Amino acid sequence: MGYVSPQTGGLAVFGESNDDVLGAVRKALAGGVRIGGTSYEVKIVTKDSQSSATRAAQVASELIQNDRADLILATSTPDTTNPVSDQCEAAGVPCVATICPWEIWTAGGAAKNYSFLHFIGTEQEVGVFSGLWKRVPGGEHVVAGLWPNDTDGDLYRKFVTARTGELGWKLVDSGAYEDGTQDYSAILGKFEDADILQATPIPPDWVTFWRQARQSRYAPKLACVAKAMLFSSVADGLGDLARNLVAGVWWAPGFPYRSSLDGTTAKAFADGYRAGTGRQWTPPMGFNHALFEIAVAALKSAADPKDRAAVRAALAALKGEAISGRYDFTKGPSKNVSLAPDLAGQWRKGADGKFDLTIVDNSLDPAIPLQGDLELL
């Protein structure tokens, strides 16, 4: 198996838990995998996309041509998942990807025959966030959209614009600002009447924006922050300014699911990471681990695990449960896509003084317990 992820560069935060994920998977597969009466050794070759689409395509080609990978796994943002999927399509090598909104993954590149994706969607996440907007007291609200000049920003603009239109509310658009912007005063001037903020920045830009917002006394009642507020390191960096910021929750220790490889629960996996590193769990942990669970399940289901066409066929018919939750590649929303449920949480300090996500909306998977009520800023 090849495994491509951003280990360095601007997106390296997505791969900060890689060592623990790979360590757990390699331990679980140390004895090999028995398929159809034959025991197969499993070798995992890791590659760093360096947060670059060009590099991601290059290392995927290396895995195909040099390492003769039977199956390639790709994770964390379109810069990695899409070029890897395209290389696998060109070579006829099965690929499973995650942590890329399905709308972005399916929109560009080659037709998806050998590549598969298990993750959430942007429209789905906007639906979850807008459910929280409606819980803000009052009638009509003004929604501010903070959207960078990138694919994520464009998608959020599209779906938030449609949702506010359905609600009959006013939307204030930041305009497509560039990553690395240091002065948000002009944007904040537009936002002064908005009591709900929907944002999709990269982490350093969000830290800069939110500090400037509070210094200028801009204080919405609710701030829903995709992408930037996924990680506890960002919350810790903001300190008290992070309290009750809303983020999507794809995976968390409170999920009632366990590894299909060795039975480890979501909570035990997260606790082990914290004990070993001293850091809080990260949302990518669950989905990156699930990639390997899906890969093993597909290999076991294939008529011949060394036959790429057979593995592709097994993936297309695959459904099951992993540490991230249930997956099903048979029903869409698009070909070769398994849609995972998205939840919403708010950052709050625990008894140990560290920030953690408190799940406040589980409407898309009631099996996952709520941990608190929505609180306004």
Protein backbone atom coordinates (compact mmCIF):
# COMPACT_ATOMS: atom_id res chain seq x y z
CA MET A 1 0.00 0.00 0.00
CA GLY A 2 1.13 3.53 -0.77
CA TYR A 3 0.12 6.35 1.57
CA VAL A 4 0.37 9.98 0.40
CA SER A 5 -0.21 12.86 2.80
CA PRO A 6 1.10 16.38 3.46
CA GLN A 7 3.83 15.89 6.05
CA THR A 8 5.56 19.24 5.39
CA GLY A 9 4.49 22.57 3.98
CA GLY A 10 1.44 24.71 4.71
CA LEU A 11 -0.90 21.74 5.19
CA ALA A 12 1.39 19.71 7.46
CA VAL A 13 -1.01 20.13 10.39
CA PHE A 14 -3.25 17.55 8.68
CA GLY A 15 -0.48 14.96 8.95
CA GLU A 16 0.72 15.68 12.48
CA SER A 17 -0.87 12.45 13.79
CA ASN A 18 0.54 10.27 10.97
CA ASP A 19 3.11 8.53 13.14
CA ASP A 20 0.45 7.28 15.55
CA VAL A 21 -1.95 6.27 12.79
CA LEU A 22 0.72 4.36 10.88
CA GLY A 23 2.08 2.85 14.07
CA ALA A 24 -1.34 1.50 15.03
CA VAL A 25 -2.02 0.15 11.53
CA ARG A 26 1.39 -1.49 11.15
CA LYS A 27 1.01 -3.15 14.55
CA ALA A 28 -2.45 -4.46 13.62
CA LEU A 29 -1.16 -5.80 10.29
CA ALA A 30 2.18 -7.11 11.56
CA GLY A 31 1.09 -10.70 11.10
CA GLY A 32 -0.08 -10.07 7.55
CA VAL A 33 -3.57 -10.45 6.10
CA ARG A 34 -5.13 -13.82 5.35
CA ILE A 35 -7.20 -13.79 2.17
CA GLY A 36 -8.73 -16.83 0.54
CA GLY A 37 -6.48 -19.24 2.38
CA THR A 38 -3.29 -17.31 1.57
CA SER A 39 -1.40 -15.08 4.00
CA TYR A 40 -0.05 -11.84 2.53
CA GLU A 41 2.58 -9.57 4.06
CA VAL A 42 1.50 -5.93 4.05
CA LYS A 43 4.08 -3.26 3.26
CA ILE A 44 3.14 0.41 3.66
CA VAL A 45 5.23 2.95 1.74
CA THR A 46 4.66 6.56 2.82
CA LYS A 47 5.20 9.64 0.67
CA ASP A 48 5.12 13.36 1.52
CA SER A 49 3.08 15.50 -0.87
CA GLN A 50 4.82 18.56 0.66
CA SER A 51 1.41 20.33 0.47
CA SER A 52 1.92 20.58 -3.31
CA ALA A 53 -0.32 19.18 -6.03
CA THR A 54 2.65 18.79 -8.35
CA ARG A 55 4.61 16.85 -5.74
CA ALA A 56 1.58 14.71 -4.90
CA ALA A 57 1.29 13.62 -8.54
CA GLN A 58 5.03 12.91 -8.66
CA VAL A 59 5.12 10.67 -5.58
CA ALA A 60 1.96 8.85 -6.68
CA SER A 61 3.74 8.04 -9.95
CA GLU A 62 6.73 6.77 -7.96
CA LEU A 63 4.49 4.48 -5.93
CA ILE A 64 2.95 3.10 -9.12
CA GLN A 65 6.09 2.76 -11.24
CA ASN A 66 8.82 2.04 -8.69
CA ASP A 67 7.08 0.48 -5.69
CA ARG A 68 4.46 -1.40 -7.74
CA ALA A 69 1.75 -0.48 -5.25
CA ASP A 70 -1.34 -2.69 -5.33
CA LEU A 71 -3.42 0.06 -3.69
CA ILE A 72 -2.76 3.74 -2.96
CA LEU A 73 -4.28 5.83 -0.17
CA ALA A 74 -4.37 9.64 -0.29
CA THR A 75 -5.43 12.13 2.34
CA SER A 76 -5.89 15.75 3.30
CA THR A 77 -7.17 18.46 0.97
CA PRO A 78 -7.58 18.50 -2.82
CA ASP A 79 -3.89 19.39 -3.27
CA THR A 80 -3.07 15.79 -2.38
CA THR A 81 -6.18 13.72 -3.03
CA ASN A 82 -6.99 14.92 -6.55
CA PRO A 83 -3.60 14.59 -8.27
CA VAL A 84 -3.04 11.21 -6.61
CA SER A 85 -6.45 10.01 -7.80
CA ASP A 86 -5.68 11.23 -11.32
CA GLN A 87 -2.39 9.32 -11.43
CA CYS A 88 -4.12 6.18 -10.22
CA GLU A 89 -6.85 6.54 -12.85
CA ALA A 90 -4.26 6.89 -15.61
CA ALA A 91 -2.45 3.74 -14.44
CA GLY A 92 -5.47 1.65 -13.47
CA VAL A 93 -4.40 1.39 -9.82
CA PRO A 94 -7.07 1.33 -7.07
CA CYS A 95 -7.03 4.42 -4.84
CA VAL A 96 -8.96 5.41 -1.73
CA ALA A 97 -8.94 9.05 -0.61
CA THR A 98 -10.30 11.07 2.28
CA ILE A 99 -10.40 14.55 3.84
CA CYS A 100 -11.47 16.32 0.66
CA PRO A 101 -15.07 17.51 0.16
CA TRP A 102 -16.64 15.15 -2.34
CA GLU A 103 -17.82 18.02 -4.57
CA ILE A 104 -14.21 19.12 -5.14
CA TRP A 105 -12.94 15.57 -5.62
CA THR A 106 -15.51 14.74 -8.29
CA ALA A 107 -15.48 18.11 -10.09
CA GLY A 108 -12.08 17.99 -11.79
CA GLY A 109 -9.55 15.62 -13.22
CA ALA A 110 -10.09 12.20 -14.72
CA ALA A 111 -13.31 10.21 -14.51
CA LYS A 112 -13.43 8.19 -11.32
CA ASN A 113 -13.25 4.47 -12.09
CA TYR A 114 -10.34 3.20 -9.98
CA SER A 115 -10.42 5.90 -7.29
CA PHE A 116 -12.84 6.21 -4.37
CA LEU A 117 -13.51 8.81 -1.67
CA HIS A 118 -14.91 8.54 1.85
CA PHE A 119 -15.63 11.94 3.43
CA ILE A 120 -18.15 14.71 4.02
CA GLY A 121 -19.48 17.30 1.56
CA THR A 122 -19.41 21.10 1.64
CA GLU A 123 -23.14 21.45 0.98
CA GLN A 124 -23.78 18.99 3.80
CA GLU A 125 -21.58 21.00 6.19
CA VAL A 126 -23.30 24.26 5.26
CA GLY A 127 -26.58 22.54 6.08
CA VAL A 128 -25.29 21.58 9.54
CA PHE A 129 -23.96 25.08 10.22
CA SER A 130 -27.14 26.77 8.98
CA GLY A 131 -29.12 24.60 11.40
CA LEU A 132 -27.11 26.30 14.15
CA TRP A 133 -27.76 29.74 12.66
CA LYS A 134 -31.49 29.19 13.12
CA ARG A 135 -30.93 28.59 16.82
CA VAL A 136 -29.68 32.17 17.29
CA PRO A 137 -32.49 34.18 18.93
CA GLY A 138 -34.28 36.74 16.82
CA GLY A 139 -35.93 36.70 13.43
CA GLU A 140 -33.97 37.84 10.40
CA HIS A 141 -30.20 37.66 10.63
CA VAL A 142 -27.29 39.04 8.63
CA VAL A 143 -24.66 36.45 7.67
CA ALA A 144 -21.08 37.49 6.93
CA GLY A 145 -19.03 35.23 4.64
CA LEU A 146 -15.23 35.22 5.04
CA TRP A 147 -14.02 33.35 1.96
CA PRO A 148 -10.51 33.13 0.51
CA ASN A 149 -9.68 33.02 -3.17
CA ASP A 150 -9.54 29.22 -3.45
CA THR A 151 -11.74 26.23 -4.24
CA ASP A 152 -13.01 25.87 -0.67
CA GLY A 153 -13.91 29.56 -0.58
CA ASP A 154 -15.77 29.32 -3.88
CA LEU A 155 -17.78 26.29 -2.75
CA TYR A 156 -18.75 27.83 0.58
CA ARG A 157 -19.78 31.04 -1.20
CA LYS A 158 -22.00 29.00 -3.52
CA PHE A 159 -23.77 26.99 -0.83
CA VAL A 160 -23.98 29.72 1.85
CA THR A 161 -25.38 32.16 -0.72
CA ALA A 162 -28.04 29.63 -1.66
CA ARG A 163 -28.88 28.86 1.98
CA THR A 164 -29.21 32.49 3.08
CA GLY A 165 -31.39 33.09 0.04
CA GLU A 166 -33.68 30.23 1.09
CA LEU A 167 -33.93 31.73 4.57
CA GLY A 168 -34.59 35.21 3.20
CA TRP A 169 -31.63 36.66 5.11
CA LYS A 170 -29.02 39.19 4.04
CA LEU A 171 -25.53 37.97 3.12
CA VAL A 172 -22.39 40.15 3.30
CA ASP A 173 -19.55 38.75 1.18
CA SER A 174 -15.91 39.46 2.13
CA GLY A 175 -14.81 39.16 -1.47
CA ALA A 176 -12.18 36.61 -2.53
CA TYR A 177 -9.24 37.69 -0.38
CA GLU A 178 -5.76 36.20 -0.85
CA ASP A 179 -4.15 33.78 1.60
CA GLY A 180 -1.65 35.58 3.78
CA THR A 181 -3.66 38.80 4.05
CA GLN A 182 -2.51 40.78 7.06
CA ASP A 183 -5.01 43.67 7.22
CA TYR A 184 -8.72 42.81 7.43
CA SER A 185 -9.98 46.29 8.36
CA ALA A 186 -11.82 46.79 5.06
CA ILE A 187 -13.57 43.43 5.38
CA LEU A 188 -14.44 44.06 9.02
CA GLY A 189 -15.99 47.35 7.98
CA LYS A 190 -18.40 45.42 5.76
CA PHE A 191 -19.24 42.96 8.53
CA GLU A 192 -20.18 45.37 11.34
CA ASP A 193 -23.95 44.63 11.12
CA ALA A 194 -23.59 40.86 10.67
CA ASP A 195 -24.55 38.82 13.74
CA ILE A 196 -23.55 35.44 12.21
CA LEU A 197 -20.15 34.74 10.68
CA GLN A 198 -19.38 31.84 8.32
CA ALA A 199 -15.66 31.50 7.52
CA THR A 200 -13.40 29.13 5.56
CA PRO A 201 -9.83 30.43 6.03
CA ILE A 202 -6.53 28.65 6.51
CA PRO A 203 -5.42 28.59 10.17
CA PRO A 204 -2.88 31.48 10.22
CA ASP A 205 -5.27 33.79 8.37
CA TRP A 206 -8.09 33.00 10.78
CA VAL A 207 -5.91 33.77 13.80
CA THR A 208 -5.00 37.14 12.28
CA PHE A 209 -8.58 37.96 11.29
CA TRP A 210 -10.19 36.94 14.59
CA ARG A 211 -7.72 38.90 16.69
CA GLN A 212 -8.30 41.99 14.55
CA ALA A 213 -12.07 41.42 14.76
CA ARG A 214 -12.07 41.41 18.54
CA GLN A 215 -9.72 44.40 18.70
CA SER A 216 -12.14 46.33 16.48
CA ARG A 217 -15.06 45.20 18.67
CA TYR A 218 -16.73 43.13 15.96
CA ALA A 219 -18.60 40.48 17.95
CA PRO A 220 -21.07 38.25 16.08
CA LYS A 221 -23.41 36.08 18.11
CA LEU A 222 -22.18 32.95 16.33
CA ALA A 223 -19.03 32.19 14.31
CA CYS A 224 -18.88 28.95 12.30
CA VAL A 225 -15.32 28.33 11.07
CA ALA A 226 -14.60 25.55 8.60
CA LYS A 227 -11.05 24.29 8.01
CA ALA A 228 -9.11 26.71 10.26
CA MET A 229 -10.72 25.67 13.57
CA LEU A 230 -10.38 21.92 13.11
CA PHE A 231 -7.27 21.72 15.26
CA SER A 232 -6.76 22.23 18.99
CA SER A 233 -3.40 23.86 18.27
CA VAL A 234 -5.26 26.77 16.63
CA ALA A 235 -7.66 27.02 19.58
CA ASP A 236 -4.77 26.96 22.03
CA GLY A 237 -3.04 29.69 20.03
CA LEU A 238 -6.10 31.93 20.26
CA GLY A 239 -6.58 31.30 23.97
CA ASP A 240 -9.84 32.67 25.36
CA LEU A 241 -10.72 34.08 21.93
CA ALA A 242 -11.40 30.49 20.82
CA ARG A 243 -14.19 29.87 23.30
CA ASN A 244 -17.44 28.76 21.61
CA LEU A 245 -16.15 29.07 18.06
CA VAL A 246 -17.98 26.46 15.98
CA ALA A 247 -16.17 23.88 13.85
CA GLY A 248 -17.23 20.82 11.92
CA VAL A 249 -16.66 17.51 13.71
CA TRP A 250 -15.89 14.69 11.27
CA TRP A 251 -14.38 12.49 13.95
CA ALA A 252 -13.88 12.74 17.71
CA PRO A 253 -13.15 10.47 20.70
CA GLY A 254 -16.87 10.48 21.54
CA PHE A 255 -17.74 8.53 18.38
CA PRO A 256 -19.12 5.07 19.34
CA TYR A 257 -17.06 3.25 16.72
CA ARG A 258 -13.98 1.02 16.79
CA SER A 259 -11.22 -0.15 14.49
CA SER A 260 -12.11 -3.13 12.30
CA LEU A 261 -8.41 -4.07 12.35
CA ASP A 262 -7.90 -4.58 16.09
CA GLY A 263 -11.05 -3.39 17.92
CA THR A 264 -9.55 -0.18 19.32
CA THR A 265 -12.27 2.31 20.26
CA ALA A 266 -12.24 5.92 19.09
CA LYS A 267 -11.68 7.07 22.68
CA ALA A 268 -8.79 4.66 23.28
CA PHE A 269 -7.17 5.75 20.02
CA ALA A 270 -7.39 9.42 20.98
CA ASP A 271 -6.25 8.78 24.56
CA GLY A 272 -3.25 6.81 23.32
CA TYR A 273 -2.26 9.67 21.03
CA ARG A 274 -2.42 12.16 23.87
CA ALA A 275 -0.51 9.90 26.25
CA GLY A 276 2.23 9.34 23.69
CA THR A 277 2.58 12.89 22.35
CA GLY A 278 1.16 15.21 25.00
CA ARG A 279 -1.07 16.72 22.30
CA GLN A 280 -4.82 16.71 21.79
CA TRP A 281 -6.36 14.35 19.24
CA THR A 282 -6.90 15.64 15.70
CA PRO A 283 -9.93 15.05 13.43
CA PRO A 284 -7.81 13.56 10.58
CA MET A 285 -6.74 10.69 12.87
CA GLY A 286 -10.00 8.82 12.53
CA PHE A 287 -10.36 9.15 8.77
CA ASN A 288 -6.71 8.37 8.05
CA HIS A 289 -7.00 5.21 10.12
CA ALA A 290 -10.26 4.38 8.34
CA LEU A 291 -8.45 4.54 4.97
CA PHE A 292 -6.43 1.47 5.94
CA GLU A 293 -9.49 -0.30 7.31
CA ILE A 294 -11.32 0.26 4.02
CA ALA A 295 -8.24 -0.88 2.08
CA VAL A 296 -7.96 -4.14 4.03
CA ALA A 297 -11.70 -4.80 3.74
CA ALA A 298 -11.49 -4.32 -0.04
CA LEU A 299 -8.47 -6.63 -0.37
CA LYS A 300 -10.24 -9.31 1.63
CA SER A 301 -13.37 -8.95 -0.52
CA ALA A 302 -11.54 -9.09 -3.84
CA ALA A 303 -11.45 -12.33 -5.79
CA ASP A 304 -7.68 -11.79 -6.09
CA PRO A 305 -6.06 -9.03 -3.95
CA LYS A 306 -3.20 -8.73 -6.47
CA ASP A 307 -5.65 -8.15 -9.34
CA ARG A 308 -6.25 -4.39 -9.60
CA ALA A 309 -9.54 -4.78 -11.46
CA ALA A 310 -10.78 -7.18 -8.79
CA VAL A 311 -9.85 -4.74 -6.00
CA ARG A 312 -11.59 -1.92 -7.87
CA ALA A 313 -14.73 -4.05 -8.16
CA ALA A 314 -14.55 -4.91 -4.45
CA LEU A 315 -14.32 -1.22 -3.52
CA ALA A 316 -17.30 -0.34 -5.69
CA ALA A 317 -19.45 -2.83 -3.75
CA LEU A 318 -17.95 -2.15 -0.31
CA LYS A 319 -19.86 -1.12 2.78
CA GLY A 320 -18.94 -1.52 6.42
CA GLU A 321 -17.85 0.22 9.60
CA ALA A 322 -14.50 1.69 10.67
CA ILE A 323 -13.21 3.74 13.58
CA SER A 324 -14.61 6.83 11.81
CA GLY A 325 -18.10 5.33 11.46
CA ARG A 326 -20.08 3.67 8.68
CA TYR A 327 -19.05 3.76 5.02
CA ASP A 328 -20.92 2.72 1.88
CA PHE A 329 -19.58 3.16 -1.64
CA THR A 330 -22.74 1.82 -3.30
CA LYS A 331 -25.15 4.75 -2.91
CA GLY A 332 -23.33 7.99 -3.63
CA PRO A 333 -24.09 10.99 -3.60
CA SER A 334 -21.81 10.47 -6.61
CA LYS A 335 -20.12 7.50 -8.22
CA ASN A 336 -17.40 5.95 -6.01
CA VAL A 337 -18.22 8.30 -3.09
CA SER A 338 -19.09 7.22 0.44
CA LEU A 339 -20.61 10.18 2.31
CA ALA A 340 -19.71 10.45 5.99
CA PRO A 341 -21.95 12.41 8.38
CA ASP A 342 -20.75 15.80 9.59
CA LEU A 343 -21.41 17.08 13.10
CA ALA A 344 -20.80 20.46 14.75
CA GLY A 345 -18.91 21.30 17.91
CA GLN A 346 -17.79 24.30 19.93
CA TRP A 347 -14.34 24.83 21.37
CA ARG A 348 -14.38 24.92 25.18
CA LYS A 349 -11.76 24.48 27.87
CA GLY A 350 -11.73 21.24 29.78
CA ALA A 351 -10.84 20.70 33.42
CA ASP A 352 -7.20 20.37 32.39
CA GLY A 353 -7.22 23.86 30.86
CA LYS A 354 -6.90 22.56 27.29
CA PHE A 355 -9.40 23.29 24.54
CA ASP A 356 -11.55 20.46 23.22
CA LEU A 357 -14.50 20.26 20.85
CA THR A 358 -17.88 19.82 22.52
CA ILE A 359 -20.39 18.21 20.14
CA VAL A 360 -23.53 20.39 19.99
CA ASP A 361 -25.21 18.99 16.85
CA ASN A 362 -25.52 15.31 15.92
CA SER A 363 -28.49 15.56 13.58
CA LEU A 364 -26.72 13.56 10.82
CA ASP A 365 -25.73 10.70 13.13
CA PRO A 366 -27.79 10.51 16.35
CA ALA A 367 -25.78 7.44 17.38
CA ILE A 368 -23.02 9.85 18.35
CA PRO A 369 -23.95 11.45 21.70
CA LEU A 370 -24.31 15.18 22.19
CA GLN A 371 -21.91 16.66 24.73
CA GLY A 372 -23.46 20.07 25.36
CA ASP A 373 -25.81 22.80 24.19
CA LEU A 374 -25.07 25.55 21.69
CA GLU A 375 -23.77 28.70 23.39
CA LEU A 376 -23.53 32.13 21.78
CA LEU A 377 -20.30 34.12 21.77
